[in-house]
C-alpha atoms as a PDB file:
ATOM      1  CA  UNK A   1       0.000   0.000   0.000  1.00  0.00           C
ATOM      2  CA  UNK A   2       1.228   3.491  -0.825  1.00  0.00           C
ATOM      3  CA  UNK A   3       0.352   6.801   0.811  1.00  0.00           C
ATOM      4  CA  UNK A   4      -0.051   9.889  -1.376  1.00  0.00           C
ATOM      5  CA  UNK A   5       0.166  13.114   0.623  1.00  0.00           C
ATOM      6  CA  UNK A   6      -2.080  15.624  -1.126  1.00  0.00           C
ATOM      7  CA  UNK A   7      -2.645  19.361  -0.643  1.00  0.00           C
ATOM      8  CA  UNK A   8      -5.772  21.183  -1.734  1.00  0.00           C
ATOM      9  CA  UNK A   9      -8.536  18.948  -0.366  1.00  0.00           C
ATOM     10  CA  UNK A  10     -10.917  20.993   1.750  1.00  0.00           C
ATOM     11  CA  UNK A  11     -14.294  19.214   1.706  1.00  0.00           C
ATOM     12  CA  UNK A  12     -15.943  15.828   1.131  1.00  0.00           C
ATOM     13  CA  UNK A  13     -16.446  16.785  -2.520  1.00  0.00           C
ATOM     14  CA  UNK A  14     -12.682  17.233  -2.907  1.00  0.00           C
ATOM     15  CA  UNK A  15     -12.064  13.827  -1.340  1.00  0.00           C
ATOM     16  CA  UNK A  16     -14.554  12.231  -3.739  1.00  0.00           C
ATOM     17  CA  UNK A  17     -12.866  14.006  -6.666  1.00  0.00           C
ATOM     18  CA  UNK A  18      -9.391  12.831  -5.586  1.00  0.00           C
ATOM     19  CA  UNK A  19     -10.664   9.262  -5.231  1.00  0.00           C
ATOM     20  CA  UNK A  20     -12.095   9.400  -8.762  1.00  0.00           C
ATOM     21  CA  UNK A  21      -8.867  10.852 -10.190  1.00  0.00           C
ATOM     22  CA  UNK A  22      -6.658   8.220  -8.555  1.00  0.00           C
ATOM     23  CA  UNK A  23      -9.037   5.365  -9.384  1.00  0.00           C
ATOM     24  CA  UNK A  24      -8.980   6.358 -13.065  1.00  0.00           C
ATOM     25  CA  UNK A  25      -5.192   5.918 -13.304  1.00  0.00           C
ATOM     26  CA  UNK A  26      -4.274   2.598 -14.908  1.00  0.00           C
ATOM     27  CA  UNK A  27      -2.441   0.450 -12.370  1.00  0.00           C
ATOM     28  CA  UNK A  28      -3.986   1.955  -9.234  1.00  0.00           C
ATOM     29  CA  UNK A  29      -6.590   0.112  -7.153  1.00  0.00           C
ATOM     30  CA  UNK A  30      -8.148   0.083  -3.673  1.00  0.00           C
ATOM     31  CA  UNK A  31      -8.137   3.883  -3.287  1.00  0.00           C
ATOM     32  CA  UNK A  32      -9.063   5.272   0.133  1.00  0.00           C
ATOM     33  CA  UNK A  33      -9.028   9.033   0.770  1.00  0.00           C
ATOM     34  CA  UNK A  34      -8.591  10.536   4.235  1.00  0.00           C
ATOM     35  CA  UNK A  35      -9.720  14.147   3.908  1.00  0.00           C
ATOM     36  CA  UNK A  36      -8.880  15.456   7.382  1.00  0.00           C
ATOM     37  CA  UNK A  37      -5.418  13.881   7.373  1.00  0.00           C
ATOM     38  CA  UNK A  38      -4.704  15.056   3.805  1.00  0.00           C
ATOM     39  CA  UNK A  39      -3.708  11.789   2.182  1.00  0.00           C
ATOM     40  CA  UNK A  40      -4.891   8.849   0.109  1.00  0.00           C
ATOM     41  CA  UNK A  41      -3.896   5.187   0.302  1.00  0.00           C
ATOM     42  CA  UNK A  42      -3.761   2.973  -2.778  1.00  0.00           C
ATOM     43  CA  UNK A  43      -2.306  -0.222  -4.207  1.00  0.00           C
ATOM     44  CA  UNK A  44      -0.331  -0.279  -7.435  1.00  0.00           C
ATOM     45  CA  UNK A  45       2.887   0.597  -9.183  1.00  0.00           C
ATOM     46  CA  UNK A  46       2.603   3.982 -10.865  1.00  0.00           C
ATOM     47  CA  UNK A  47       5.226   6.704 -11.110  1.00  0.00           C
ATOM     48  CA  UNK A  48       4.958   9.722  -8.866  1.00  0.00           C
ATOM     49  CA  UNK A  49       4.977  11.954 -11.961  1.00  0.00           C
ATOM     50  CA  UNK A  50       1.841  10.329 -13.383  1.00  0.00           C
ATOM     51  CA  UNK A  51      -0.035  10.698 -10.092  1.00  0.00           C
ATOM     52  CA  UNK A  52       1.152  14.309  -9.672  1.00  0.00           C
ATOM     53  CA  UNK A  53       0.079  15.238 -13.207  1.00  0.00           C
ATOM     54  CA  UNK A  54      -3.382  13.709 -12.810  1.00  0.00           C
ATOM     55  CA  UNK A  55      -3.951  15.502  -9.500  1.00  0.00           C
ATOM     56  CA  UNK A  56      -2.562  18.816 -10.791  1.00  0.00           C
ATOM     57  CA  UNK A  57      -5.014  18.709 -13.697  1.00  0.00           C
ATOM     58  CA  UNK A  58      -7.828  18.754 -11.130  1.00  0.00           C
ATOM     59  CA  UNK A  59      -6.276  21.467  -8.949  1.00  0.00           C
ATOM     60  CA  UNK A  60      -4.563  19.366  -6.270  1.00  0.00           C
ATOM     61  CA  UNK A  61      -0.892  19.167  -5.356  1.00  0.00           C
ATOM     62  CA  UNK A  62       0.934  15.900  -4.679  1.00  0.00           C
ATOM     63  CA  UNK A  63       3.483  16.468  -1.904  1.00  0.00           C
ATOM     64  CA  UNK A  64       4.938  12.958  -1.895  1.00  0.00           C
ATOM     65  CA  UNK A  65       4.218   9.247  -2.165  1.00  0.00           C
ATOM     66  CA  UNK A  66       5.559   7.026   0.597  1.00  0.00           C
ATOM     67  CA  UNK A  67       5.318   3.284   1.114  1.00  0.00           C
ATOM     68  CA  UNK A  68       3.127   2.255   4.017  1.00  0.00           C
ATOM     69  CA  UNK A  69       4.376  -0.676   6.105  1.00  0.00           C
END
């Protein structure tokens, strides 16, 4: 599982949008968004650049992706 730290989410609508964006990326599955903590968890092997570009297109900023234990 990977953790994407995301800036720009401010409401449940944003969280739903981020979940849709991440879920639409080929190779990503099991997306869970945690609005108040500012991150999303997902399974898959996708480059940070692809995730950052998809989020940026929707107005969000990817801070980092870290591997969850």
